């Protein structure tokens, strides 16, 4: 919008409007869901991880870094027998690897309402770099919600069980992460 001097004013990017300092994930306003094609593409297995936590730091100037931690045993696909199998060594191996961790090395503005996120995803003790774009919504200087859908190759993380070719390699993880400023 033109101001009285005739110049155009632009709203600050939501990422640069965030207050510098420590931020914590609000688990009650956040979710991590998954879906993966199964049964030769005729069915999609969907579920959610019930226990998530996270924290981060917003740097002056708008960049950020942080961690999102998922308790792997908290997965729930609304099918107890399947959930028990997903917790075994065929998939998440929760006895030996109880957490799935995404460590964001950098979060930087990209587009008017999004950020580019670059970091490392660790599943079953195997770490690979992961970069994706997240949308920012409900952003204030004291809180912000990031939402992203990220395709993950399960075989890259040694989840190779695939009896009769029933399970697709790519799973989609949908993350809605509400962070609040802690000071």
Protein backbone atom coordinates (compact mmCIF):
# COMPACT_ATOMS: atom_id res chain seq x y z
CA UNK A 1 0.00 0.00 0.00
CA UNK A 2 1.29 3.47 -0.72
CA UNK A 3 2.02 5.55 2.34
CA UNK A 4 1.82 9.35 2.41
CA UNK A 5 5.27 9.62 0.77
CA UNK A 6 4.17 7.49 -2.19
CA UNK A 7 6.43 4.53 -1.39
CA UNK A 8 5.11 0.99 -1.11
CA UNK A 9 5.03 -0.63 2.32
CA UNK A 10 5.42 -4.42 2.57
CA UNK A 11 4.43 -6.45 5.59
CA UNK A 12 7.42 -8.20 7.17
CA UNK A 13 7.83 -11.90 6.43
CA UNK A 14 6.25 -13.93 9.26
CA UNK A 15 9.62 -15.58 9.99
CA UNK A 16 11.37 -12.23 10.49
CA UNK A 17 8.52 -10.95 12.68
CA UNK A 18 9.10 -13.74 15.24
CA UNK A 19 10.67 -12.69 18.54
CA UNK A 20 14.27 -13.80 18.90
CA UNK A 21 14.94 -16.31 21.67
CA UNK A 22 13.85 -19.78 22.80
CA UNK A 23 10.66 -21.34 21.43
CA UNK A 24 8.85 -24.52 22.52
CA UNK A 25 6.46 -26.80 20.65
CA UNK A 26 2.87 -26.69 21.92
CA UNK A 27 1.95 -30.41 21.65
CA UNK A 28 -1.77 -29.74 22.21
CA UNK A 29 -1.84 -27.57 19.05
CA UNK A 30 0.55 -29.73 17.01
CA UNK A 31 0.40 -33.06 15.21
CA UNK A 32 2.51 -35.50 13.20
CA UNK A 33 0.46 -37.73 10.91
CA UNK A 34 1.56 -40.35 8.40
CA UNK A 35 0.10 -42.13 5.42
CA UNK A 36 1.53 -44.86 3.23
CA UNK A 37 0.08 -46.83 0.34
CA UNK A 38 -0.47 -50.47 1.18
CA UNK A 39 -2.09 -53.58 -0.24
CA UNK A 40 -0.81 -52.91 -3.77
CA UNK A 41 -2.10 -49.32 -3.71
CA UNK A 42 -5.67 -50.31 -2.92
CA UNK A 43 -5.54 -49.09 0.68
CA UNK A 44 -3.77 -46.22 2.38
CA UNK A 45 -2.60 -46.77 5.94
CA UNK A 46 -3.03 -43.58 7.96
CA UNK A 47 -2.08 -42.77 11.50
CA UNK A 48 -0.68 -40.28 13.93
CA UNK A 49 2.10 -40.08 16.50
CA UNK A 50 0.50 -39.16 19.83
CA UNK A 51 3.66 -37.99 21.67
CA UNK A 52 5.73 -35.19 20.17
CA UNK A 53 7.94 -32.49 21.61
CA UNK A 54 10.26 -29.84 20.28
CA UNK A 55 12.12 -26.65 20.85
CA UNK A 56 14.17 -24.17 18.93
CA UNK A 57 15.76 -20.80 18.76
CA UNK A 58 14.79 -17.87 16.56
CA UNK A 59 17.82 -15.78 15.76
CA UNK A 60 17.74 -12.02 15.35
CA UNK A 61 17.05 -11.44 11.66
CA UNK A 62 14.51 -14.25 11.35
CA UNK A 63 16.53 -17.44 10.89
CA UNK A 64 15.87 -20.34 13.22
CA UNK A 65 17.01 -23.81 14.22
CA UNK A 66 15.49 -26.49 16.41
CA UNK A 67 14.44 -30.06 17.03
CA UNK A 68 11.21 -32.03 16.70
CA UNK A 69 11.15 -35.32 18.63
CA UNK A 70 8.58 -38.06 18.06
CA UNK A 71 8.10 -40.98 20.43
CA UNK A 72 7.97 -43.81 17.87
CA UNK A 73 5.93 -46.14 20.12
CA UNK A 74 3.14 -43.54 20.26
CA UNK A 75 2.06 -44.29 16.68
CA UNK A 76 -1.63 -45.04 16.27
CA UNK A 77 -3.17 -46.25 13.01
CA UNK A 78 -6.45 -47.30 14.67
CA UNK A 79 -5.53 -50.98 14.22
CA UNK A 80 -3.82 -52.55 17.27
CA UNK A 81 -2.30 -55.55 15.46
CA UNK A 82 -0.85 -53.34 12.71
CA UNK A 83 0.47 -50.85 15.29
CA UNK A 84 2.23 -53.68 17.15
CA UNK A 85 3.86 -54.75 13.86
CA UNK A 86 4.91 -51.16 13.02
CA UNK A 87 6.70 -51.00 16.40
CA UNK A 88 8.81 -54.12 15.64
CA UNK A 89 12.20 -54.42 13.94
CA UNK A 90 10.37 -54.67 10.57
CA UNK A 91 9.58 -50.97 10.81
CA UNK A 92 10.37 -48.52 13.66
CA UNK A 93 12.16 -50.96 16.03
CA UNK A 94 10.99 -48.92 19.03
CA UNK A 95 12.77 -51.14 21.57
CA UNK A 96 16.14 -50.09 20.15
CA UNK A 97 15.19 -46.71 18.65
CA UNK A 98 12.44 -45.13 20.74
CA UNK A 99 12.60 -41.71 19.08
CA UNK A 100 12.37 -40.25 15.60
CA UNK A 101 14.20 -36.91 15.58
CA UNK A 102 14.30 -34.09 13.06
CA UNK A 103 17.06 -31.57 13.81
CA UNK A 104 16.57 -28.39 11.77
CA UNK A 105 19.92 -26.76 11.05
CA UNK A 106 18.31 -23.79 9.36
CA UNK A 107 14.87 -22.32 8.86
CA UNK A 108 14.85 -19.30 6.56
CA UNK A 109 12.21 -17.19 4.79
CA UNK A 110 11.08 -18.47 1.37
CA UNK A 111 8.07 -16.83 -0.22
CA UNK A 112 5.52 -14.61 1.45
CA UNK A 113 4.15 -17.18 3.91
CA UNK A 114 6.66 -20.02 3.91
CA UNK A 115 10.09 -21.05 5.10
CA UNK A 116 12.76 -23.38 3.74
CA UNK A 117 13.70 -25.97 6.35
CA UNK A 118 16.99 -27.89 6.11
CA UNK A 119 18.10 -30.45 8.64
CA UNK A 120 18.65 -34.11 9.44
CA UNK A 121 16.04 -36.81 10.02
CA UNK A 122 17.04 -39.74 12.23
CA UNK A 123 14.90 -42.89 12.17
CA UNK A 124 16.11 -46.24 13.58
CA UNK A 125 19.51 -44.66 14.26
CA UNK A 126 19.96 -43.81 10.56
CA UNK A 127 20.37 -40.13 9.68
CA UNK A 128 19.79 -38.51 6.28
CA UNK A 129 19.57 -34.83 5.30
CA UNK A 130 16.09 -33.54 4.62
CA UNK A 131 15.00 -30.24 3.09
CA UNK A 132 11.41 -29.08 2.60
CA UNK A 133 9.20 -26.01 2.46
CA UNK A 134 6.80 -25.29 5.32
CA UNK A 135 3.90 -22.86 5.33
CA UNK A 136 3.62 -20.38 8.20
CA UNK A 137 0.19 -19.51 9.60
CA UNK A 138 -1.20 -17.89 12.73
CA UNK A 139 2.10 -16.04 13.07
CA UNK A 140 2.63 -13.40 15.73
CA UNK A 141 5.83 -12.24 17.41
CA UNK A 142 5.05 -14.75 20.20
CA UNK A 143 3.70 -17.82 18.33
CA UNK A 144 3.66 -19.43 14.88
CA UNK A 145 2.41 -22.58 13.23
CA UNK A 146 4.45 -24.40 10.59
CA UNK A 147 2.74 -26.94 8.32
CA UNK A 148 4.44 -29.27 5.84
CA UNK A 149 3.85 -32.50 3.98
CA UNK A 150 7.10 -34.36 3.46
CA UNK A 151 7.62 -37.55 1.43
CA UNK A 152 9.95 -40.02 3.14
CA UNK A 153 11.50 -43.14 1.63
CA UNK A 154 11.05 -45.77 4.34
CA UNK A 155 13.73 -48.05 2.85
CA UNK A 156 16.36 -45.32 3.35
CA UNK A 157 15.79 -45.89 7.07
CA UNK A 158 16.04 -49.72 6.89
CA UNK A 159 12.27 -50.24 6.92
CA UNK A 160 12.46 -52.85 4.19
CA UNK A 161 9.71 -55.29 5.23
CA UNK A 162 7.40 -55.69 2.25
CA UNK A 163 5.68 -59.05 2.20
CA UNK A 164 4.36 -59.73 -1.32
CA UNK A 165 5.13 -56.14 -2.34
CA UNK A 166 2.22 -54.85 -0.28
CA UNK A 167 3.77 -51.62 1.03
CA UNK A 168 4.84 -48.60 -1.02
CA UNK A 169 8.30 -47.18 -0.34
CA UNK A 170 7.21 -43.56 -0.01
CA UNK A 171 5.31 -42.47 3.06
CA UNK A 172 4.00 -38.94 3.55
CA UNK A 173 4.50 -37.23 6.88
CA UNK A 174 2.25 -34.25 7.62
CA UNK A 175 3.56 -32.01 10.37
CA UNK A 176 1.63 -29.20 12.02
CA UNK A 177 3.95 -27.63 14.57
CA UNK A 178 2.76 -24.75 16.78
CA UNK A 179 5.69 -23.04 18.51
CA UNK A 180 5.41 -20.44 21.27
CA UNK A 181 8.06 -18.00 22.44
CA UNK A 182 9.59 -18.78 25.83
CA UNK A 183 11.85 -15.76 26.24
